[in-house]
């Protein structure tokens, strides 16, 4: 029941605050894109609303990574809601050792300030980061993430197809697990707990 309420609340927030006229005319992907390559993982530095966010600075914590964009009408809402539910299944001590990071593949529109008003809505342990087009592309290559921008419509709107994988980065900074789109909260929480236990 809690999961359904969270998903509905996320949809309502998008409808009230993030929807812009013309969005309904944008062609939307029916399924997420496949990964572009086999992920290797790796350190990165991207921009958050409070300054640079470096993966290396989060050593000792499990990092939950997801690539998407704030204007995404469906896939991201579902995935971020599931991640949030997974985080909510952790005990308080474990949760303090976890950081969720949403990496926007739409740096043209997703400023750090916009992400700061969008991402934490799902869970307070989640932040949004972005960078230049080249910086985002470089991080996406390390994690095999794929994305493709649609042509811009006459009203200036556009959609971005993207892969939908939740990455679990272990406390030592290495990629430890990947969960496919639609993975249930229980699986996300289990993957996080496994990485936490291995890091002790």
Protein backbone atom coordinates (compact mmCIF):
# COMPACT_ATOMS: atom_id res chain seq x y z
CA UNK A 1 0.00 0.00 0.00
CA UNK A 2 2.84 2.41 0.91
CA UNK A 3 4.49 1.74 -2.46
CA UNK A 4 1.31 2.54 -4.36
CA UNK A 5 0.84 5.76 -2.40
CA UNK A 6 4.44 6.81 -3.12
CA UNK A 7 4.06 6.09 -6.84
CA UNK A 8 0.79 8.00 -7.03
CA UNK A 9 2.29 10.89 -5.08
CA UNK A 10 5.23 11.01 -7.48
CA UNK A 11 2.91 11.12 -10.45
CA UNK A 12 0.90 13.91 -8.83
CA UNK A 13 4.02 15.97 -8.11
CA UNK A 14 5.11 15.60 -11.73
CA UNK A 15 1.67 16.63 -12.96
CA UNK A 16 1.47 19.65 -10.67
CA UNK A 17 5.01 21.00 -10.84
CA UNK A 18 7.00 19.46 -13.67
CA UNK A 19 4.54 18.97 -16.53
CA UNK A 20 4.77 21.58 -19.22
CA UNK A 21 2.36 22.23 -22.11
CA UNK A 22 3.20 20.17 -25.12
CA UNK A 23 4.67 17.22 -23.20
CA UNK A 24 1.75 15.00 -24.18
CA UNK A 25 2.67 15.35 -27.84
CA UNK A 26 6.23 14.08 -27.32
CA UNK A 27 6.75 10.48 -28.48
CA UNK A 28 7.48 8.40 -25.41
CA UNK A 29 9.51 5.18 -25.24
CA UNK A 30 7.51 2.05 -24.45
CA UNK A 31 10.51 0.22 -22.96
CA UNK A 32 13.88 1.48 -21.69
CA UNK A 33 16.90 1.30 -23.99
CA UNK A 34 19.37 -1.54 -23.59
CA UNK A 35 22.73 -0.76 -22.04
CA UNK A 36 25.26 0.61 -24.51
CA UNK A 37 28.13 -1.51 -23.20
CA UNK A 38 29.25 -3.70 -20.33
CA UNK A 39 29.60 -1.43 -17.28
CA UNK A 40 32.98 -1.11 -15.62
CA UNK A 41 32.10 1.59 -13.10
CA UNK A 42 34.54 4.23 -11.94
CA UNK A 43 34.92 7.51 -10.12
CA UNK A 44 33.38 10.73 -11.33
CA UNK A 45 32.77 14.30 -10.26
CA UNK A 46 29.52 16.01 -11.26
CA UNK A 47 27.67 19.12 -10.13
CA UNK A 48 25.12 19.09 -7.33
CA UNK A 49 23.13 22.02 -5.98
CA UNK A 50 25.61 22.40 -3.09
CA UNK A 51 28.73 22.05 -5.22
CA UNK A 52 30.73 19.21 -6.79
CA UNK A 53 29.76 15.64 -5.91
CA UNK A 54 32.66 13.17 -6.14
CA UNK A 55 32.08 9.44 -5.92
CA UNK A 56 35.51 9.10 -4.29
CA UNK A 57 34.30 11.24 -1.38
CA UNK A 58 31.63 8.64 -0.64
CA UNK A 59 34.02 5.80 0.16
CA UNK A 60 32.65 3.78 3.04
CA UNK A 61 29.09 4.23 1.84
CA UNK A 62 27.01 2.20 -0.59
CA UNK A 63 25.99 4.40 -3.51
CA UNK A 64 22.80 3.71 -5.47
CA UNK A 65 23.12 5.22 -8.96
CA UNK A 66 20.41 5.83 -11.52
CA UNK A 67 20.60 7.64 -14.89
CA UNK A 68 17.49 9.49 -16.08
CA UNK A 69 16.01 12.97 -16.38
CA UNK A 70 13.47 15.03 -14.49
CA UNK A 71 11.08 15.51 -17.41
CA UNK A 72 10.76 11.74 -17.87
CA UNK A 73 7.02 10.99 -17.75
CA UNK A 74 7.08 7.38 -16.65
CA UNK A 75 10.25 5.28 -16.47
CA UNK A 76 12.10 7.51 -14.01
CA UNK A 77 9.07 8.03 -11.81
CA UNK A 78 8.67 4.29 -11.48
CA UNK A 79 12.36 3.60 -10.91
CA UNK A 80 12.93 6.39 -8.41
CA UNK A 81 9.84 5.34 -6.48
CA UNK A 82 11.09 1.75 -6.31
CA UNK A 83 14.55 2.91 -5.19
CA UNK A 84 12.94 5.08 -2.51
CA UNK A 85 10.88 2.15 -1.28
CA UNK A 86 14.03 0.02 -1.19
CA UNK A 87 15.82 2.65 0.89
CA UNK A 88 12.85 2.82 3.24
CA UNK A 89 13.23 -0.89 3.96
CA UNK A 90 16.70 -0.37 5.45
CA UNK A 91 17.20 0.05 9.17
CA UNK A 92 18.26 3.49 10.39
CA UNK A 93 21.92 2.58 10.87
CA UNK A 94 22.24 1.06 7.40
CA UNK A 95 20.48 3.98 5.78
CA UNK A 96 23.07 6.41 7.15
CA UNK A 97 25.68 4.49 5.14
CA UNK A 98 23.85 4.78 1.83
CA UNK A 99 23.69 7.61 -0.70
CA UNK A 100 21.36 7.65 -3.69
CA UNK A 101 22.52 9.63 -6.76
CA UNK A 102 20.34 10.48 -9.75
CA UNK A 103 22.51 11.42 -12.76
CA UNK A 104 20.63 13.47 -15.33
CA UNK A 105 21.19 12.61 -18.99
CA UNK A 106 19.46 15.88 -19.91
CA UNK A 107 21.99 18.53 -18.79
CA UNK A 108 20.44 21.11 -21.11
CA UNK A 109 17.34 21.36 -18.92
CA UNK A 110 18.25 19.66 -15.66
CA UNK A 111 20.21 22.26 -13.73
CA UNK A 112 21.50 21.35 -10.26
CA UNK A 113 18.81 23.62 -8.81
CA UNK A 114 16.03 21.86 -10.70
CA UNK A 115 17.34 18.47 -9.63
CA UNK A 116 17.47 19.67 -6.02
CA UNK A 117 13.73 20.32 -6.13
CA UNK A 118 12.93 17.04 -7.90
CA UNK A 119 15.10 14.19 -6.62
CA UNK A 120 14.86 14.53 -2.80
CA UNK A 121 11.08 14.39 -3.08
CA UNK A 122 11.42 10.65 -3.57
CA UNK A 123 13.72 10.13 -0.57
CA UNK A 124 15.92 12.43 1.55
CA UNK A 125 18.93 10.16 0.99
CA UNK A 126 18.82 10.86 -2.75
CA UNK A 127 20.45 13.76 -4.60
CA UNK A 128 20.59 14.84 -8.23
CA UNK A 129 23.74 15.68 -10.18
CA UNK A 130 24.58 16.81 -13.68
CA UNK A 131 27.44 18.28 -15.70
CA UNK A 132 28.36 19.34 -19.18
CA UNK A 133 27.20 17.18 -22.07
CA UNK A 134 30.70 15.68 -22.34
CA UNK A 135 30.98 15.05 -18.59
CA UNK A 136 27.65 13.24 -18.44
CA UNK A 137 28.53 11.19 -21.53
CA UNK A 138 31.85 10.14 -19.97
CA UNK A 139 30.16 8.91 -16.78
CA UNK A 140 27.46 7.16 -18.79
CA UNK A 141 30.14 5.28 -20.77
CA UNK A 142 31.72 3.99 -17.56
CA UNK A 143 28.40 2.57 -16.45
CA UNK A 144 27.23 1.43 -19.89
CA UNK A 145 24.22 3.74 -19.70
CA UNK A 146 22.60 4.59 -23.02
CA UNK A 147 20.39 7.55 -23.92
CA UNK A 148 19.09 9.22 -27.05
CA UNK A 149 17.52 12.64 -27.36
CA UNK A 150 14.48 13.01 -29.62
CA UNK A 151 14.26 15.94 -32.03
CA UNK A 152 13.06 19.12 -30.38
CA UNK A 153 9.42 19.94 -31.05
CA UNK A 154 8.21 23.35 -32.23
CA UNK A 155 7.38 24.33 -28.65
CA UNK A 156 10.91 23.52 -27.50
CA UNK A 157 10.11 20.27 -25.69
CA UNK A 158 11.74 16.90 -26.32
CA UNK A 159 11.97 13.43 -24.84
CA UNK A 160 15.07 11.39 -24.04
CA UNK A 161 15.04 7.62 -24.38
CA UNK A 162 17.37 6.01 -21.86
CA UNK A 163 18.34 2.73 -20.27
CA UNK A 164 16.93 1.99 -16.83
CA UNK A 165 19.31 0.16 -14.54
CA UNK A 166 19.88 0.71 -10.83
CA UNK A 167 23.59 0.43 -10.02
CA UNK A 168 24.91 -0.53 -6.60
CA UNK A 169 28.40 0.80 -5.88
CA UNK A 170 30.13 -0.85 -2.93
CA UNK A 171 31.85 1.06 -0.11
CA UNK A 172 35.21 0.55 -1.88
CA UNK A 173 33.90 2.41 -4.94
CA UNK A 174 33.58 -0.66 -7.15
CA UNK A 175 30.40 -1.59 -9.01
CA UNK A 176 28.92 -4.51 -7.08
CA UNK A 177 25.46 -5.08 -8.57
CA UNK A 178 23.00 -3.97 -11.23
CA UNK A 179 19.23 -4.27 -10.97
CA UNK A 180 17.08 -4.21 -14.06
CA UNK A 181 14.13 -1.91 -14.62
CA UNK A 182 11.18 -2.76 -12.41
CA UNK A 183 13.19 -4.59 -9.75
CA UNK A 184 11.08 -4.68 -6.57
CA UNK A 185 12.06 -2.72 -3.45
CA UNK A 186 12.93 -5.96 -1.65
CA UNK A 187 15.57 -6.76 -4.29
CA UNK A 188 17.00 -3.24 -4.11
CA UNK A 189 17.21 -3.36 -0.31
CA UNK A 190 18.79 -6.84 -0.44
CA UNK A 191 21.46 -5.67 -2.92
CA UNK A 192 22.26 -2.67 -0.72
CA UNK A 193 22.48 -4.80 2.43
CA UNK A 194 24.73 -7.29 0.64
CA UNK A 195 27.10 -4.50 -0.39
CA UNK A 196 27.05 -3.04 3.13
CA UNK A 197 27.88 -6.43 4.66
CA UNK A 198 30.72 -7.02 2.20
CA UNK A 199 32.20 -3.64 3.07
CA UNK A 200 32.50 -4.36 6.78
